[in-house]
Amino acid sequence: MDHRAMYIDGRWQDFPDLDRIEVENPADERVIATIPEADAVIARQALSAAKAAQQTWAARPAIERARAVRALAALVEQSAETLAVSLVAEQGKPISQARGEVAGAVTFLTHAAESARRIEGDIMPSDNPDEEIMIRRLPRGVVVGLTAWNYPLALAARKLGPALVAGNTFVLLSHEITPLAGLNLAALADQAGLPAGVFNVITGRGASAGRALVESPLSDLVTMTGSTRAGREIFRSAADRLKVLSLELGGKAPFIVMEDADLDHAVDAAVAARFANCGQVCTCNERMYLHRDIADEFMRRFVARTRALRIGDPMGDPDLGPKVSRVEIDKIENLVEAAIAKGAEPILRGGRLTGGEYAKGHWIAPTVLEVADNTNPIMQSELFGPVVPFLRVDGFEDAVAKANDSEYGLSAYLFTRDIGRMMRVS
């Protein structure tokens, strides 16, 4: 079992007096690591280190900062298999998808580094004689990164790279369910030679350490990917200081299939977009709107494909690995039961898997539901798991109206051969 420390001001610090959080492998429920549970004092220490390093870091030319980010990207790429195996162990996604996440982290860091030469300003004429107005783009200062557990490495990289290239320093709260990805990234950043304090990683819970990072006067911008509930809490915590926020929250992506769609292509996409990472993606296919003329045939193919999905040990690269935790399975089962109570009809009833190879771990098989009413809770609440409801629609306008009847707005899918519809829906 790994006994992990936190990375603050260029040093690994253990803080033996802190409580520790166990990190579980969702495939077999083994405790694979423990991490320290940071409190407000530790959060302030990390922010202070970032604040002390920021001006010196910002004084470096952007292209020099970009070289450091490129060096980190190169080390992530060199360590790809080790990082992927660690992602499987703490998060449960199939190994090929974990390798894809590592490749995504490399792309995010590299893309950020490429933007170094594009940090531009403007010189504008003034209303007054003998005067010009100069606008310069300057770093915010200290950036706090709060990431979700579903893509812990890629999300950290996507936030870290742009912040560093722009001249900010960074404090990452590595999510308590999947903290190893952020700590592994810190180890590579240390190896890449990032100056002390430029990148700091602490571990702990959002309600304590996360709140302290958001509310502190030392943090200047908060970038967060996570639930809508957590986003609202961050918004409230940041309000008193009018802090700059960048929040990517929940999604309930509609998947619209019109009567003229290529059904093979649409079914392939529907399966991939629903069941990747066991449905734990904020841009997943969360609700399907199918034109009446093709609904039966589409569902015949979709259900057949869904029945054939392999569920098992993520290191064996199945179609679906485990859910990340027992709590997450409970949430899904409660939503399914609520949907059926409101009239949803199970077309394929999966649910929790137990016994045999599933005796340990958090396993769940896909469920497909037909609903007759867009107000059904399963059409309105984010699922974040291998469950998909569908509703028959009368045409394009009906589909778009129902897709827009949602509190969410993040991504959407449309399958049609009509370019006019594509332009209108976007």
Protein backbone atom coordinates (compact mmCIF):
# COMPACT_ATOMS: atom_id res chain seq x y z
CA MET A 1 0.00 0.00 0.00
CA ASP A 2 1.21 3.45 -0.97
CA HIS A 3 1.62 5.99 1.84
CA ARG A 4 1.53 9.27 -0.06
CA ALA A 5 2.64 12.77 0.91
CA MET A 6 1.68 16.19 -0.47
CA TYR A 7 3.82 18.30 -2.79
CA ILE A 8 4.22 21.85 -1.50
CA ASP A 9 6.91 24.41 -2.37
CA GLY A 10 8.99 21.88 -4.28
CA ARG A 11 9.10 19.33 -1.44
CA TRP A 12 7.17 16.21 -0.47
CA GLN A 13 5.60 16.83 2.93
CA ASP A 14 3.86 14.12 4.95
CA PHE A 15 2.26 15.94 7.93
CA PRO A 16 2.05 12.88 10.22
CA ASP A 17 -0.44 14.56 12.56
CA LEU A 18 -3.13 14.78 9.87
CA ASP A 19 -5.88 12.20 9.43
CA ARG A 20 -5.46 9.98 6.39
CA ILE A 21 -7.93 9.02 3.67
CA GLU A 22 -7.92 5.53 2.15
CA VAL A 23 -7.82 5.20 -1.64
CA GLU A 24 -9.79 2.20 -2.91
CA ASN A 25 -9.51 0.14 -6.07
CA PRO A 26 -13.12 0.11 -7.35
CA ALA A 27 -12.64 -3.26 -9.07
CA ASP A 28 -11.90 -5.23 -5.89
CA GLU A 29 -12.27 -2.75 -2.99
CA ARG A 30 -8.64 -3.14 -1.92
CA VAL A 31 -7.08 -0.11 -0.24
CA ILE A 32 -4.18 0.74 -2.53
CA ALA A 33 -2.97 3.95 -0.89
CA THR A 34 -3.54 6.46 1.87
CA ILE A 35 -3.31 10.22 1.55
CA PRO A 36 -3.16 13.01 4.13
CA GLU A 37 -6.36 14.98 4.66
CA ALA A 38 -5.32 18.60 4.31
CA ASP A 39 -6.99 21.28 6.41
CA ALA A 40 -7.19 25.06 6.08
CA VAL A 41 -3.67 25.48 7.50
CA ILE A 42 -2.18 23.22 4.82
CA ALA A 43 -4.23 24.94 2.12
CA ARG A 44 -2.83 28.30 3.19
CA GLN A 45 0.71 26.90 3.22
CA ALA A 46 0.34 25.72 -0.39
CA LEU A 47 -1.19 29.03 -1.47
CA SER A 48 1.58 30.96 0.26
CA ALA A 49 4.20 28.93 -1.61
CA ALA A 50 2.44 29.64 -4.90
CA LYS A 51 2.11 33.34 -4.09
CA ALA A 52 5.82 33.62 -3.23
CA ALA A 53 6.83 31.97 -6.50
CA GLN A 54 4.42 33.77 -8.81
CA GLN A 55 6.16 37.05 -9.61
CA THR A 56 9.47 35.40 -10.43
CA TRP A 57 7.69 32.82 -12.60
CA ALA A 58 5.68 35.53 -14.39
CA ALA A 59 8.87 37.51 -15.06
CA ARG A 60 10.21 34.70 -17.22
CA PRO A 61 9.46 34.98 -20.95
CA ALA A 62 6.36 33.04 -21.93
CA ILE A 63 8.39 30.86 -24.28
CA GLU A 64 10.59 29.83 -21.36
CA ARG A 65 7.57 28.93 -19.27
CA ALA A 66 6.30 26.93 -22.23
CA ARG A 67 9.55 24.95 -22.36
CA ALA A 68 8.94 23.80 -18.80
CA VAL A 69 5.41 22.71 -19.70
CA ARG A 70 6.74 20.88 -22.79
CA ALA A 71 9.27 19.10 -20.58
CA LEU A 72 6.45 17.99 -18.31
CA ALA A 73 4.43 16.78 -21.30
CA ALA A 74 7.42 14.75 -22.50
CA LEU A 75 7.77 13.08 -19.11
CA VAL A 76 4.05 12.28 -19.01
CA GLU A 77 4.40 10.65 -22.42
CA GLN A 78 7.47 8.68 -21.32
CA SER A 79 5.61 7.46 -18.22
CA ALA A 80 2.39 6.69 -20.09
CA GLU A 81 1.99 3.04 -19.14
CA THR A 82 2.80 3.57 -15.47
CA LEU A 83 0.33 6.46 -15.30
CA ALA A 84 -2.35 4.45 -17.12
CA VAL A 85 -2.04 1.48 -14.77
CA SER A 86 -2.31 3.84 -11.79
CA LEU A 87 -5.47 5.39 -13.29
CA VAL A 88 -7.03 1.94 -13.67
CA ALA A 89 -6.21 1.09 -10.06
CA GLU A 90 -7.79 4.19 -8.52
CA GLN A 91 -10.58 5.03 -10.99
CA GLY A 92 -11.51 1.75 -12.70
CA LYS A 93 -11.65 2.72 -16.38
CA PRO A 94 -10.50 0.04 -18.88
CA ILE A 95 -6.78 0.16 -19.60
CA SER A 96 -7.15 1.34 -23.21
CA GLN A 97 -9.27 4.26 -22.01
CA ALA A 98 -6.73 5.02 -19.30
CA ARG A 99 -4.02 5.14 -21.96
CA GLY A 100 -6.28 7.50 -23.89
CA GLU A 101 -6.56 9.75 -20.84
CA VAL A 102 -2.77 9.92 -20.52
CA ALA A 103 -2.50 10.80 -24.21
CA GLY A 104 -5.10 13.51 -23.62
CA ALA A 105 -3.02 14.94 -20.78
CA VAL A 106 -0.01 15.11 -23.10
CA THR A 107 -2.10 16.89 -25.73
CA PHE A 108 -3.47 19.42 -23.22
CA LEU A 109 0.01 20.30 -21.94
CA THR A 110 1.49 20.49 -25.43
CA HIS A 111 -1.35 22.63 -26.75
CA ALA A 112 -0.92 25.04 -23.85
CA ALA A 113 2.81 25.29 -24.51
CA GLU A 114 2.10 26.13 -28.16
CA SER A 115 0.08 29.16 -27.09
CA ALA A 116 3.11 30.90 -25.56
CA ARG A 117 3.73 32.99 -28.69
CA ARG A 118 0.09 34.04 -28.84
CA ILE A 119 -0.09 36.03 -25.60
CA GLU A 120 -0.81 39.35 -27.26
CA GLY A 121 -2.06 42.81 -26.36
CA ASP A 122 -3.42 45.84 -28.20
CA ILE A 123 -2.43 49.44 -28.82
CA MET A 124 -5.49 51.59 -29.46
CA PRO A 125 -5.95 55.25 -30.37
CA SER A 126 -7.20 57.49 -27.59
CA ASP A 127 -9.88 60.17 -27.64
CA ASN A 128 -7.18 62.54 -26.34
CA PRO A 129 -4.34 64.00 -28.46
CA ASP A 130 -0.78 62.69 -28.05
CA GLU A 131 -2.00 59.60 -26.22
CA GLU A 132 -2.38 55.90 -26.96
CA ILE A 133 -4.01 53.16 -24.93
CA MET A 134 -2.00 49.99 -24.38
CA ILE A 135 -3.70 46.78 -23.26
CA ARG A 136 -1.49 44.01 -21.91
CA ARG A 137 -2.53 40.49 -20.99
CA LEU A 138 -1.18 39.65 -17.55
CA PRO A 139 -1.45 36.55 -15.36
CA ARG A 140 -4.09 36.42 -12.67
CA GLY A 141 -1.65 35.26 -9.99
CA VAL A 142 -2.38 32.08 -8.04
CA VAL A 143 -4.76 29.62 -9.68
CA VAL A 144 -6.60 26.94 -7.70
CA GLY A 145 -7.53 23.76 -9.58
CA LEU A 146 -10.36 21.54 -8.37
CA THR A 147 -10.80 18.41 -10.47
CA ALA A 148 -13.34 15.60 -10.79
CA TRP A 149 -12.59 11.94 -10.18
CA ASN A 150 -13.61 10.68 -13.64
CA TYR A 151 -10.56 12.02 -15.56
CA PRO A 152 -8.19 13.08 -12.78
CA LEU A 153 -5.00 13.27 -14.84
CA ALA A 154 -6.39 14.84 -18.02
CA LEU A 155 -8.41 17.44 -16.12
CA ALA A 156 -5.41 18.45 -14.01
CA ALA A 157 -3.26 18.81 -17.12
CA ARG A 158 -5.93 20.77 -18.97
CA LYS A 159 -6.06 23.32 -16.15
CA LEU A 160 -2.36 23.37 -15.28
CA GLY A 161 -0.80 23.93 -18.72
CA PRO A 162 -2.57 27.18 -19.69
CA ALA A 163 -2.17 28.60 -16.19
CA LEU A 164 1.59 28.04 -16.12
CA VAL A 165 2.23 29.26 -19.66
CA ALA A 166 0.31 32.47 -18.90
CA GLY A 167 2.54 33.14 -15.88
CA ASN A 168 0.34 31.94 -13.04
CA THR A 169 1.31 29.52 -10.30
CA PHE A 170 -0.95 26.64 -9.37
CA VAL A 171 -2.39 24.77 -6.39
CA LEU A 172 -4.21 21.54 -7.22
CA LEU A 173 -6.57 19.81 -4.81
CA SER A 174 -6.34 16.25 -6.08
CA HIS A 175 -9.78 14.64 -5.64
CA GLU A 176 -9.92 12.37 -2.59
CA ILE A 177 -11.38 9.43 -4.58
CA THR A 178 -8.66 9.56 -7.28
CA PRO A 179 -5.77 11.54 -5.77
CA LEU A 180 -2.86 9.54 -7.17
CA ALA A 181 -3.08 11.07 -10.66
CA GLY A 182 -2.39 14.59 -9.36
CA LEU A 183 0.42 13.38 -7.11
CA ASN A 184 1.97 11.46 -10.00
CA LEU A 185 1.80 14.62 -12.11
CA ALA A 186 3.54 16.55 -9.33
CA ALA A 187 6.34 13.96 -9.24
CA LEU A 188 6.89 14.44 -12.98
CA ALA A 189 6.75 18.23 -12.61
CA ASP A 190 9.47 17.98 -9.98
CA GLN A 191 11.51 15.82 -12.35
CA ALA A 192 10.96 18.37 -15.13
CA GLY A 193 12.56 21.04 -12.96
CA LEU A 194 9.60 23.34 -12.32
CA PRO A 195 10.69 25.91 -9.71
CA ALA A 196 9.56 25.40 -6.14
CA GLY A 197 6.08 26.77 -5.49
CA VAL A 198 5.02 26.97 -9.13
CA PHE A 199 2.98 23.75 -8.92
CA ASN A 200 1.67 22.47 -5.60
CA VAL A 201 -0.57 19.47 -4.96
CA ILE A 202 -2.52 18.89 -1.78
CA THR A 203 -4.96 16.11 -0.94
CA GLY A 204 -8.15 16.25 1.08
CA ARG A 205 -11.86 16.89 0.83
CA GLY A 206 -13.63 19.68 -0.99
CA ALA A 207 -15.71 20.68 2.00
CA SER A 208 -12.62 21.55 4.06
CA ALA A 209 -9.44 21.94 2.03
CA GLY A 210 -11.32 22.97 -1.11
CA ARG A 211 -13.34 25.59 0.68
CA ALA A 212 -10.18 27.01 2.28
CA LEU A 213 -8.51 27.31 -1.13
CA VAL A 214 -11.53 29.05 -2.65
CA GLU A 215 -12.13 31.48 0.22
CA SER A 216 -8.50 32.45 0.81
CA PRO A 217 -7.40 35.98 -0.17
CA LEU A 218 -4.24 34.35 -1.61
CA SER A 219 -6.03 32.64 -4.51
CA ASP A 220 -6.93 34.74 -7.56
CA LEU A 221 -8.75 32.36 -9.90
CA VAL A 222 -10.54 29.06 -9.29
CA THR A 223 -10.97 26.54 -12.09
CA MET A 224 -13.21 23.61 -11.26
CA THR A 225 -14.69 20.61 -13.03
CA GLY A 226 -17.35 18.75 -11.08
CA SER A 227 -20.96 18.59 -10.06
CA THR A 228 -23.46 21.41 -10.28
CA ARG A 229 -23.99 21.12 -6.52
CA ALA A 230 -20.28 21.67 -5.86
CA GLY A 231 -20.21 24.52 -8.37
CA ARG A 232 -22.97 26.34 -6.51
CA GLU A 233 -21.05 25.97 -3.24
CA ILE A 234 -17.89 27.35 -4.84
CA PHE A 235 -19.86 30.24 -6.32
CA ARG A 236 -21.15 31.15 -2.87
CA SER A 237 -17.74 30.79 -1.22
CA ALA A 238 -16.08 32.99 -3.84
CA ALA A 239 -18.75 35.67 -3.87
CA ASP A 240 -17.52 37.77 -0.95
CA ARG A 241 -14.17 38.37 -2.66
CA LEU A 242 -15.63 38.58 -6.19
CA LYS A 243 -13.18 35.87 -7.17
CA VAL A 244 -12.77 34.91 -10.83
CA LEU A 245 -14.27 31.47 -11.49
CA SER A 246 -14.13 29.02 -14.37
CA LEU A 247 -16.65 26.25 -13.72
CA GLU A 248 -17.43 23.23 -15.89
CA LEU A 249 -20.34 21.53 -14.17
CA GLY A 250 -22.80 18.74 -14.87
CA GLY A 251 -24.27 17.74 -18.20
CA LYS A 252 -27.38 16.03 -19.53
CA ALA A 253 -26.45 15.73 -23.20
CA PRO A 254 -29.39 15.06 -25.55
CA PHE A 255 -28.79 12.52 -28.34
CA ILE A 256 -31.15 13.28 -31.23
CA VAL A 257 -31.62 10.83 -34.11
CA MET A 258 -33.77 11.97 -37.04
CA GLU A 259 -35.59 9.81 -39.58
CA ASP A 260 -32.93 10.41 -42.27
CA ALA A 261 -29.93 9.45 -40.10
CA ASP A 262 -27.37 6.77 -40.90
CA LEU A 263 -28.55 4.34 -38.21
CA ASP A 264 -25.39 2.24 -38.09
CA HIS A 265 -23.33 5.35 -37.50
CA ALA A 266 -25.80 6.72 -34.95
CA VAL A 267 -25.95 3.45 -32.99
CA ASP A 268 -22.15 3.19 -32.89
CA ALA A 269 -21.95 6.73 -31.56
CA ALA A 270 -24.78 6.23 -29.06
CA VAL A 271 -23.08 3.19 -27.53
CA ALA A 272 -19.67 4.85 -27.39
CA ALA A 273 -21.03 8.12 -26.02
CA ARG A 274 -23.09 6.43 -23.31
CA PHE A 275 -20.84 3.66 -22.01
CA ALA A 276 -17.29 5.07 -22.22
CA ASN A 277 -15.76 5.13 -18.75
CA CYS A 278 -18.89 3.32 -17.48
CA GLY A 279 -20.95 6.38 -18.38
CA GLN A 280 -18.90 8.61 -16.11
CA VAL A 281 -18.36 11.46 -18.57
CA CYS A 282 -20.06 14.85 -18.32
CA THR A 283 -20.57 14.97 -22.11
CA CYS A 284 -22.07 11.46 -22.27
CA ASN A 285 -25.21 10.52 -24.19
CA GLU A 286 -27.58 11.03 -21.24
CA ARG A 287 -30.99 11.01 -22.95
CA MET A 288 -32.04 9.97 -26.44
CA TYR A 289 -34.73 11.57 -28.61
CA LEU A 290 -35.60 9.25 -31.48
CA HIS A 291 -37.84 10.06 -34.43
CA ARG A 292 -40.87 7.76 -34.37
CA ASP A 293 -40.18 6.45 -37.86
CA ILE A 294 -36.83 4.93 -36.90
CA ALA A 295 -37.17 4.46 -33.13
CA ASP A 296 -37.97 0.73 -33.17
CA GLU A 297 -35.16 -0.18 -35.57
CA PHE A 298 -32.66 2.07 -33.80
CA MET A 299 -33.51 0.52 -30.43
CA ARG A 300 -33.35 -3.03 -31.80
CA ARG A 301 -29.75 -2.40 -32.86
CA PHE A 302 -28.85 -0.34 -29.80
CA VAL A 303 -30.12 -2.89 -27.27
CA ALA A 304 -28.39 -5.73 -29.12
CA ARG A 305 -25.10 -3.84 -28.99
CA THR A 306 -25.63 -2.97 -25.33
CA ARG A 307 -26.35 -6.60 -24.35
CA ALA A 308 -23.08 -7.63 -25.96
CA LEU A 309 -20.91 -5.24 -23.92
CA ARG A 310 -18.27 -6.97 -21.81
CA ILE A 311 -18.02 -6.02 -18.12
CA GLY A 312 -14.99 -7.04 -16.10
CA ASP A 313 -11.46 -6.49 -14.86
CA PRO A 314 -10.39 -3.14 -16.35
CA MET A 315 -6.84 -4.41 -16.85
CA GLY A 316 -8.31 -6.96 -19.28
CA ASP A 317 -9.68 -4.05 -21.33
CA PRO A 318 -13.41 -4.83 -21.31
CA ASP A 319 -16.05 -2.46 -22.62
CA LEU A 320 -17.05 -1.44 -19.08
CA GLY A 321 -15.09 -1.47 -15.86
CA PRO A 322 -16.56 -0.84 -12.41
CA LYS A 323 -18.25 2.30 -11.18
CA VAL A 324 -15.94 4.39 -9.08
CA SER A 325 -17.71 3.80 -5.75
CA ARG A 326 -20.65 2.15 -4.02
CA VAL A 327 -22.18 5.58 -3.39
CA GLU A 328 -22.28 6.22 -7.14
CA ILE A 329 -24.10 2.93 -7.76
CA ASP A 330 -26.64 3.81 -5.08
CA LYS A 331 -27.32 7.14 -6.81
CA ILE A 332 -27.97 5.43 -10.15
CA GLU A 333 -30.26 2.78 -8.67
CA ASN A 334 -32.29 5.44 -6.90
CA LEU A 335 -32.73 7.39 -10.15
CA VAL A 336 -33.80 4.27 -12.05
CA GLU A 337 -36.35 3.35 -9.39
CA ALA A 338 -37.73 6.90 -9.39
CA ALA A 339 -38.01 6.82 -13.18
CA ILE A 340 -39.90 3.51 -13.20
CA ALA A 341 -42.22 4.79 -10.48
CA LYS A 342 -43.04 7.70 -12.80
CA GLY A 343 -43.87 5.42 -15.72
CA ALA A 344 -40.54 4.56 -17.39
CA GLU A 345 -40.55 1.10 -19.01
CA PRO A 346 -37.39 -1.04 -18.72
CA ILE A 347 -36.31 -2.28 -22.16
CA LEU A 348 -33.09 -3.71 -20.72
CA ARG A 349 -32.81 -4.00 -16.95
CA GLY A 350 -29.25 -4.22 -15.72
CA GLY A 351 -28.36 -2.97 -12.26
CA ARG A 352 -25.90 -3.96 -9.57
CA LEU A 353 -23.82 -7.08 -10.22
CA THR A 354 -22.86 -9.32 -7.30
CA GLY A 355 -21.36 -12.75 -6.74
CA GLY A 356 -18.69 -14.66 -8.64
CA GLU A 357 -16.22 -12.36 -10.35
CA TYR A 358 -18.32 -9.42 -9.15
CA ALA A 359 -18.28 -10.41 -5.46
CA LYS A 360 -15.88 -7.55 -4.75
CA GLY A 361 -15.96 -4.16 -6.41
CA HIS A 362 -18.62 -1.75 -7.66
CA TRP A 363 -20.17 -3.39 -10.69
CA ILE A 364 -23.27 -2.39 -12.61
CA ALA A 365 -24.75 -3.58 -15.89
CA PRO A 366 -26.40 -1.24 -18.43
CA THR A 367 -30.07 -0.31 -18.20
CA VAL A 368 -32.21 1.07 -21.05
CA LEU A 369 -35.56 2.74 -20.32
CA GLU A 370 -38.33 4.07 -22.53
CA VAL A 371 -40.16 7.12 -21.21
CA ALA A 372 -43.30 8.80 -22.50
CA ASP A 373 -42.82 12.10 -20.71
CA ASN A 374 -39.89 14.49 -20.84
CA THR A 375 -40.56 15.50 -17.23
CA ASN A 376 -39.62 12.04 -15.99
CA PRO A 377 -36.76 12.52 -13.47
CA ILE A 378 -34.43 10.34 -15.50
CA MET A 379 -34.71 12.82 -18.40
CA GLN A 380 -33.95 15.76 -16.13
CA SER A 381 -31.24 14.58 -13.66
CA GLU A 382 -27.65 13.74 -14.55
CA LEU A 383 -27.09 9.96 -14.42
CA PHE A 384 -23.32 9.63 -14.73
CA GLY A 385 -23.54 5.89 -15.25
CA PRO A 386 -24.47 3.13 -17.73
CA VAL A 387 -28.18 3.94 -17.89
CA VAL A 388 -29.88 5.58 -20.86
CA PRO A 389 -33.51 6.67 -21.28
CA PHE A 390 -35.14 7.35 -24.65
CA LEU A 391 -38.24 9.21 -25.81
CA ARG A 392 -39.96 9.05 -29.18
CA VAL A 393 -40.42 12.42 -30.89
CA ASP A 394 -42.63 13.54 -33.75
CA GLY A 395 -40.03 15.54 -35.66
CA PHE A 396 -37.12 17.93 -35.56
CA GLU A 397 -38.87 20.82 -33.80
CA ASP A 398 -40.28 18.47 -31.17
CA ALA A 399 -36.81 16.98 -30.54
CA VAL A 400 -35.13 20.37 -30.18
CA ALA A 401 -37.83 21.67 -27.85
CA LYS A 402 -37.50 18.65 -25.59
CA ALA A 403 -33.70 18.76 -25.70
CA ASN A 404 -33.76 22.40 -24.56
CA ASP A 405 -36.24 21.64 -21.77
CA SER A 406 -33.41 21.10 -19.27
CA GLU A 407 -31.48 22.91 -16.57
CA TYR A 408 -28.24 21.70 -18.11
CA GLY A 409 -26.27 22.98 -21.08
CA LEU A 410 -22.90 21.47 -21.97
CA SER A 411 -22.99 19.29 -25.08
CA ALA A 412 -25.47 17.71 -27.50
CA TYR A 413 -25.61 15.21 -30.36
CA LEU A 414 -27.63 15.31 -33.59
CA PHE A 415 -27.76 12.64 -36.31
CA THR A 416 -29.28 13.72 -39.63
CA ARG A 417 -28.24 14.09 -43.25
CA ASP A 418 -29.84 17.55 -43.45
CA ILE A 419 -27.20 20.31 -43.20
CA GLY A 420 -29.94 22.87 -42.60
CA ARG A 421 -31.04 21.03 -39.48
CA MET A 422 -27.43 20.82 -38.30
CA MET A 423 -26.98 24.56 -38.62
CA ARG A 424 -30.32 25.36 -36.97
CA VAL A 425 -29.83 23.06 -33.99
CA SER A 426 -26.41 24.51 -33.19
